[in-house]
Amino acid sequence: MSPNEMFDSAVSSGGDLAGVFEYDGETGYFYLYKPQHEENRKVLGAIQVLSGPPDFGEKDIVIRWDATESKVGLFIRGRLWAAFDSVTGHKYGGGYRATGKPAIPVEVADAFESR
């Protein structure tokens, strides 16, 4: 992996789903991914997080599941910037900007606070 690239992931305790962040040096996406057997692996959803050079590093990224493992979120510098509801398939957020505010509904963000 080049120094301009980033990758992080968090797999659910059941091992059937993962939240994955990937920055390829030009764009960054957060994915809901099904990591099971090789022939069944697939991306279930994608959220564009940023385009262009980031103002953060890999150490600033945390991916975590909520307490019920129904939602997975991408946190950049401690703020939730993107999330998937793995039950409904809804996706939230994206569009990271250093001076911006995440577009995440309060009820989605609150799900991560109860952990």
N, C-alpha and C. Protein backbone atom coordinates (compact mmCIF):
# COMPACT_ATOMS: atom_id res chain seq x y z
N MET A 1 0.85 -1.18 0.00
CA MET A 1 0.00 0.00 0.00
C MET A 1 0.89 1.23 0.00
N SER A 2 0.58 2.16 -0.85
CA SER A 2 1.37 3.39 -0.95
C SER A 2 1.11 4.27 0.27
N PRO A 3 2.04 5.20 0.58
CA PRO A 3 1.84 6.08 1.73
C PRO A 3 0.63 6.99 1.57
N ASN A 4 0.13 7.15 0.36
CA ASN A 4 -1.05 7.99 0.13
C ASN A 4 -2.35 7.23 0.30
N GLU A 5 -2.28 5.94 0.55
CA GLU A 5 -3.47 5.11 0.66
C GLU A 5 -3.79 4.80 2.13
N MET A 6 -5.08 4.56 2.40
CA MET A 6 -5.52 4.18 3.75
C MET A 6 -6.52 3.06 3.63
N PHE A 7 -6.55 2.21 4.65
CA PHE A 7 -7.51 1.11 4.70
C PHE A 7 -7.75 0.77 6.16
N ASP A 8 -9.02 0.58 6.51
CA ASP A 8 -9.38 0.13 7.85
C ASP A 8 -10.70 -0.60 7.74
N SER A 9 -10.95 -1.51 8.67
CA SER A 9 -12.20 -2.26 8.65
C SER A 9 -12.54 -2.75 10.05
N ALA A 10 -13.82 -3.11 10.22
CA ALA A 10 -14.30 -3.72 11.45
C ALA A 10 -15.36 -4.74 11.06
N VAL A 11 -15.14 -5.98 11.47
CA VAL A 11 -16.06 -7.08 11.15
C VAL A 11 -17.01 -7.27 12.33
N SER A 12 -18.27 -7.54 12.05
CA SER A 12 -19.24 -7.81 13.11
C SER A 12 -18.84 -9.07 13.86
N SER A 13 -19.34 -9.24 15.08
CA SER A 13 -18.96 -10.40 15.89
C SER A 13 -19.38 -11.70 15.23
N GLY A 14 -20.43 -11.68 14.41
CA GLY A 14 -20.87 -12.88 13.70
C GLY A 14 -20.02 -13.17 12.47
N GLY A 15 -19.19 -12.22 12.07
CA GLY A 15 -18.30 -12.40 10.93
C GLY A 15 -18.98 -12.31 9.57
N ASP A 16 -20.27 -11.95 9.56
CA ASP A 16 -21.01 -11.94 8.30
C ASP A 16 -20.99 -10.60 7.57
N LEU A 17 -20.67 -9.50 8.28
CA LEU A 17 -20.64 -8.17 7.67
C LEU A 17 -19.43 -7.40 8.18
N ALA A 18 -18.99 -6.44 7.37
CA ALA A 18 -17.88 -5.58 7.78
C ALA A 18 -18.11 -4.17 7.27
N GLY A 19 -17.64 -3.21 8.05
CA GLY A 19 -17.54 -1.83 7.60
C GLY A 19 -16.10 -1.63 7.16
N VAL A 20 -15.90 -1.07 5.97
CA VAL A 20 -14.57 -0.94 5.39
C VAL A 20 -14.38 0.48 4.86
N PHE A 21 -13.27 1.12 5.25
CA PHE A 21 -12.91 2.41 4.67
C PHE A 21 -11.69 2.20 3.80
N GLU A 22 -11.74 2.76 2.59
CA GLU A 22 -10.62 2.66 1.67
C GLU A 22 -10.40 4.01 0.99
N TYR A 23 -9.16 4.49 1.08
CA TYR A 23 -8.74 5.69 0.36
C TYR A 23 -7.61 5.27 -0.56
N ASP A 24 -7.78 5.48 -1.87
CA ASP A 24 -6.83 4.97 -2.86
C ASP A 24 -5.82 6.03 -3.33
N GLY A 25 -5.75 7.14 -2.64
CA GLY A 25 -4.86 8.22 -3.05
C GLY A 25 -5.59 9.33 -3.77
N GLU A 26 -6.83 9.06 -4.17
CA GLU A 26 -7.65 10.07 -4.86
C GLU A 26 -9.04 10.22 -4.24
N THR A 27 -9.68 9.10 -3.94
CA THR A 27 -11.03 9.14 -3.34
C THR A 27 -11.11 8.16 -2.18
N GLY A 28 -12.00 8.47 -1.26
CA GLY A 28 -12.22 7.61 -0.10
C GLY A 28 -13.67 7.18 -0.03
N TYR A 29 -13.88 5.89 0.17
CA TYR A 29 -15.23 5.33 0.29
C TYR A 29 -15.35 4.51 1.56
N PHE A 30 -16.56 4.51 2.12
CA PHE A 30 -16.91 3.63 3.23
C PHE A 30 -17.87 2.60 2.66
N TYR A 31 -17.57 1.33 2.88
CA TYR A 31 -18.36 0.24 2.31
C TYR A 31 -19.00 -0.62 3.39
N LEU A 32 -20.16 -1.14 3.08
CA LEU A 32 -20.74 -2.25 3.84
C LEU A 32 -20.44 -3.47 3.00
N TYR A 33 -19.75 -4.41 3.60
CA TYR A 33 -19.15 -5.51 2.86
C TYR A 33 -19.54 -6.85 3.47
N LYS A 34 -19.79 -7.82 2.63
CA LYS A 34 -20.09 -9.19 3.07
C LYS A 34 -18.82 -10.02 2.83
N PRO A 35 -18.05 -10.32 3.91
CA PRO A 35 -16.74 -10.94 3.74
C PRO A 35 -16.72 -12.47 3.76
N GLN A 36 -17.85 -13.11 3.62
CA GLN A 36 -17.90 -14.57 3.75
C GLN A 36 -17.07 -15.26 2.67
N HIS A 37 -17.36 -16.48 2.42
CA HIS A 37 -16.58 -17.30 1.49
C HIS A 37 -16.23 -16.53 0.23
N GLU A 38 -15.08 -16.83 -0.30
CA GLU A 38 -14.53 -16.06 -1.43
C GLU A 38 -15.53 -15.87 -2.58
N GLU A 39 -16.28 -16.89 -2.93
CA GLU A 39 -17.22 -16.75 -4.05
C GLU A 39 -18.44 -15.92 -3.70
N ASN A 40 -18.69 -15.68 -2.41
CA ASN A 40 -19.85 -14.90 -1.98
C ASN A 40 -19.50 -13.50 -1.49
N ARG A 41 -18.23 -13.10 -1.55
CA ARG A 41 -17.84 -11.77 -1.08
C ARG A 41 -18.45 -10.71 -1.99
N LYS A 42 -18.98 -9.66 -1.36
CA LYS A 42 -19.49 -8.58 -2.19
C LYS A 42 -19.73 -7.31 -1.38
N VAL A 43 -19.70 -6.19 -2.09
CA VAL A 43 -20.01 -4.89 -1.51
C VAL A 43 -21.53 -4.74 -1.54
N LEU A 44 -22.10 -4.45 -0.37
CA LEU A 44 -23.55 -4.27 -0.27
C LEU A 44 -23.97 -2.81 -0.39
N GLY A 45 -23.03 -1.91 -0.12
CA GLY A 45 -23.33 -0.48 -0.20
C GLY A 45 -22.05 0.33 -0.15
N ALA A 46 -22.09 1.55 -0.68
CA ALA A 46 -20.92 2.42 -0.69
C ALA A 46 -21.35 3.86 -0.43
N ILE A 47 -20.52 4.57 0.32
CA ILE A 47 -20.73 6.00 0.59
C ILE A 47 -19.43 6.71 0.26
N GLN A 48 -19.49 7.70 -0.63
CA GLN A 48 -18.28 8.47 -0.91
C GLN A 48 -18.02 9.40 0.26
N VAL A 49 -16.84 9.28 0.83
CA VAL A 49 -16.48 10.07 2.00
C VAL A 49 -15.72 11.33 1.58
N LEU A 50 -14.77 11.20 0.66
CA LEU A 50 -14.03 12.37 0.21
C LEU A 50 -13.41 12.14 -1.15
N SER A 51 -13.07 13.25 -1.77
CA SER A 51 -12.37 13.26 -3.04
C SER A 51 -11.23 14.25 -2.87
N GLY A 52 -10.04 13.86 -3.29
CA GLY A 52 -8.88 14.72 -3.11
C GLY A 52 -8.10 14.33 -1.88
N PRO A 53 -7.03 15.06 -1.59
CA PRO A 53 -6.19 14.70 -0.45
C PRO A 53 -6.88 14.96 0.88
N PRO A 54 -6.79 14.00 1.80
CA PRO A 54 -7.41 14.18 3.12
C PRO A 54 -6.54 15.03 4.03
N ASP A 55 -7.16 15.60 5.04
CA ASP A 55 -6.41 16.33 6.07
C ASP A 55 -6.29 15.47 7.33
N PHE A 56 -6.48 14.17 7.17
CA PHE A 56 -6.37 13.24 8.29
C PHE A 56 -5.56 12.03 7.84
N GLY A 57 -5.10 11.26 8.82
CA GLY A 57 -4.33 10.06 8.53
C GLY A 57 -5.06 8.82 8.99
N GLU A 58 -4.49 7.68 8.70
CA GLU A 58 -5.11 6.40 9.05
C GLU A 58 -5.35 6.28 10.56
N LYS A 59 -4.47 6.89 11.35
CA LYS A 59 -4.63 6.83 12.82
C LYS A 59 -5.85 7.62 13.29
N ASP A 60 -6.40 8.50 12.45
CA ASP A 60 -7.56 9.31 12.81
C ASP A 60 -8.89 8.61 12.51
N ILE A 61 -8.81 7.40 11.92
CA ILE A 61 -10.00 6.68 11.49
C ILE A 61 -10.32 5.54 12.46
N VAL A 62 -11.60 5.45 12.81
CA VAL A 62 -12.10 4.33 13.61
C VAL A 62 -13.40 3.86 12.98
N ILE A 63 -13.53 2.57 12.81
CA ILE A 63 -14.79 1.98 12.34
C ILE A 63 -15.31 1.13 13.47
N ARG A 64 -16.58 1.32 13.81
CA ARG A 64 -17.14 0.51 14.88
C ARG A 64 -18.62 0.25 14.67
N TRP A 65 -19.06 -0.83 15.30
CA TRP A 65 -20.45 -1.25 15.27
C TRP A 65 -21.16 -0.69 16.49
N ASP A 66 -22.47 -0.45 16.38
CA ASP A 66 -23.24 -0.04 17.55
C ASP A 66 -23.46 -1.27 18.44
N ALA A 67 -24.08 -1.08 19.60
CA ALA A 67 -24.24 -2.16 20.58
C ALA A 67 -25.05 -3.34 20.04
N THR A 68 -26.01 -3.08 19.14
CA THR A 68 -26.84 -4.16 18.60
C THR A 68 -26.26 -4.75 17.32
N GLU A 69 -25.17 -4.18 16.86
CA GLU A 69 -24.53 -4.57 15.60
C GLU A 69 -25.48 -4.50 14.40
N SER A 70 -26.39 -3.52 14.47
CA SER A 70 -27.26 -3.27 13.33
C SER A 70 -26.76 -2.09 12.50
N LYS A 71 -25.85 -1.30 13.07
CA LYS A 71 -25.28 -0.15 12.37
C LYS A 71 -23.77 -0.18 12.51
N VAL A 72 -23.10 0.23 11.44
CA VAL A 72 -21.65 0.36 11.47
C VAL A 72 -21.30 1.76 11.01
N GLY A 73 -20.35 2.38 11.70
CA GLY A 73 -20.03 3.76 11.40
C GLY A 73 -18.55 4.02 11.19
N LEU A 74 -18.28 5.05 10.39
CA LEU A 74 -16.93 5.53 10.15
C LEU A 74 -16.75 6.83 10.93
N PHE A 75 -15.79 6.82 11.84
CA PHE A 75 -15.48 7.99 12.64
C PHE A 75 -14.15 8.55 12.18
N ILE A 76 -14.12 9.85 11.95
CA ILE A 76 -12.89 10.55 11.60
C ILE A 76 -12.66 11.58 12.69
N ARG A 77 -11.54 11.42 13.37
CA ARG A 77 -11.22 12.29 14.51
C ARG A 77 -12.35 12.33 15.53
N GLY A 78 -12.94 11.18 15.78
CA GLY A 78 -13.97 11.06 16.80
C GLY A 78 -15.38 11.46 16.39
N ARG A 79 -15.56 11.92 15.16
CA ARG A 79 -16.90 12.32 14.68
C ARG A 79 -17.41 11.30 13.67
N LEU A 80 -18.67 10.95 13.80
CA LEU A 80 -19.31 10.01 12.89
C LEU A 80 -19.57 10.71 11.55
N TRP A 81 -18.92 10.22 10.47
CA TRP A 81 -19.06 10.85 9.15
C TRP A 81 -19.85 10.00 8.17
N ALA A 82 -19.97 8.72 8.41
CA ALA A 82 -20.73 7.86 7.50
C ALA A 82 -21.20 6.64 8.30
N ALA A 83 -22.37 6.12 7.92
CA ALA A 83 -22.91 4.95 8.63
C ALA A 83 -23.85 4.17 7.72
N PHE A 84 -23.91 2.88 8.00
CA PHE A 84 -24.84 1.98 7.33
C PHE A 84 -25.74 1.35 8.38
N ASP A 85 -27.01 1.21 8.05
CA ASP A 85 -27.92 0.38 8.83
C ASP A 85 -27.95 -0.96 8.10
N SER A 86 -27.38 -1.98 8.69
CA SER A 86 -27.26 -3.27 8.01
C SER A 86 -28.58 -4.03 7.93
N VAL A 87 -29.56 -3.61 8.70
CA VAL A 87 -30.88 -4.26 8.66
C VAL A 87 -31.73 -3.69 7.52
N THR A 88 -31.78 -2.36 7.44
CA THR A 88 -32.63 -1.72 6.43
C THR A 88 -31.89 -1.43 5.12
N GLY A 89 -30.56 -1.40 5.19
CA GLY A 89 -29.77 -1.06 4.01
C GLY A 89 -29.59 0.44 3.81
N HIS A 90 -30.15 1.25 4.70
CA HIS A 90 -30.00 2.71 4.57
C HIS A 90 -28.55 3.11 4.80
N LYS A 91 -28.15 4.16 4.09
CA LYS A 91 -26.82 4.72 4.28
C LYS A 91 -26.95 6.19 4.61
N TYR A 92 -25.99 6.67 5.41
CA TYR A 92 -26.04 8.03 5.93
C TYR A 92 -24.67 8.69 5.83
N GLY A 93 -24.67 9.99 5.58
CA GLY A 93 -23.45 10.77 5.66
C GLY A 93 -22.61 10.75 4.41
N GLY A 94 -21.30 10.89 4.63
CA GLY A 94 -20.35 11.05 3.54
C GLY A 94 -20.05 12.52 3.36
N GLY A 95 -19.35 12.86 2.30
CA GLY A 95 -19.05 14.25 2.00
C GLY A 95 -18.21 14.93 3.05
N TYR A 96 -17.18 14.24 3.53
CA TYR A 96 -16.30 14.81 4.56
C TYR A 96 -15.69 16.13 4.11
N ARG A 97 -15.71 17.10 5.02
CA ARG A 97 -15.01 18.38 4.87
C ARG A 97 -14.45 18.74 6.23
N ALA A 98 -13.20 19.16 6.27
CA ALA A 98 -12.53 19.45 7.53
C ALA A 98 -13.32 20.43 8.39
N THR A 99 -13.93 21.41 7.77
CA THR A 99 -14.68 22.42 8.53
C THR A 99 -16.18 22.18 8.48
N GLY A 100 -16.59 21.05 7.90
CA GLY A 100 -18.01 20.76 7.75
C GLY A 100 -18.60 20.02 8.94
N LYS A 101 -19.88 19.75 8.83
CA LYS A 101 -20.61 19.02 9.86
C LYS A 101 -21.19 17.77 9.22
N PRO A 102 -21.04 16.62 9.88
CA PRO A 102 -21.58 15.38 9.31
C PRO A 102 -23.10 15.45 9.14
N ALA A 103 -23.60 14.88 8.05
CA ALA A 103 -25.05 14.83 7.79
C ALA A 103 -25.59 13.47 8.22
N ILE A 104 -25.60 13.26 9.52
CA ILE A 104 -26.06 11.99 10.10
C ILE A 104 -27.27 12.29 10.97
N PRO A 105 -28.40 11.60 10.76
CA PRO A 105 -29.56 11.82 11.63
C PRO A 105 -29.20 11.55 13.10
N VAL A 106 -29.79 12.33 13.99
CA VAL A 106 -29.50 12.22 15.42
C VAL A 106 -29.73 10.81 15.93
N GLU A 107 -30.81 10.16 15.49
CA GLU A 107 -31.12 8.82 16.00
C GLU A 107 -30.07 7.79 15.57
N VAL A 108 -29.45 8.01 14.43
CA VAL A 108 -28.38 7.11 13.98
C VAL A 108 -27.13 7.36 14.81
N ALA A 109 -26.75 8.62 14.97
CA ALA A 109 -25.58 8.95 15.78
C ALA A 109 -25.75 8.49 17.23
N ASP A 110 -26.95 8.63 17.77
CA ASP A 110 -27.22 8.22 19.15
C ASP A 110 -27.03 6.71 19.35
N ALA A 111 -27.26 5.91 18.32
CA ALA A 111 -27.08 4.46 18.43
C ALA A 111 -25.64 4.11 18.80
N PHE A 112 -24.69 4.92 18.41
CA PHE A 112 -23.28 4.66 18.72
C PHE A 112 -22.89 5.16 20.10
N GLU A 113 -23.69 6.05 20.67
CA GLU A 113 -23.40 6.58 22.00
C GLU A 113 -23.73 5.60 23.10
N SER A 114 -24.68 4.70 22.85
CA SER A 114 -25.12 3.77 23.89
C SER A 114 -24.20 2.56 24.05
N ARG A 115 -23.12 2.56 23.32
CA ARG A 115 -22.20 1.42 23.37
C ARG A 115 -21.29 1.50 24.55
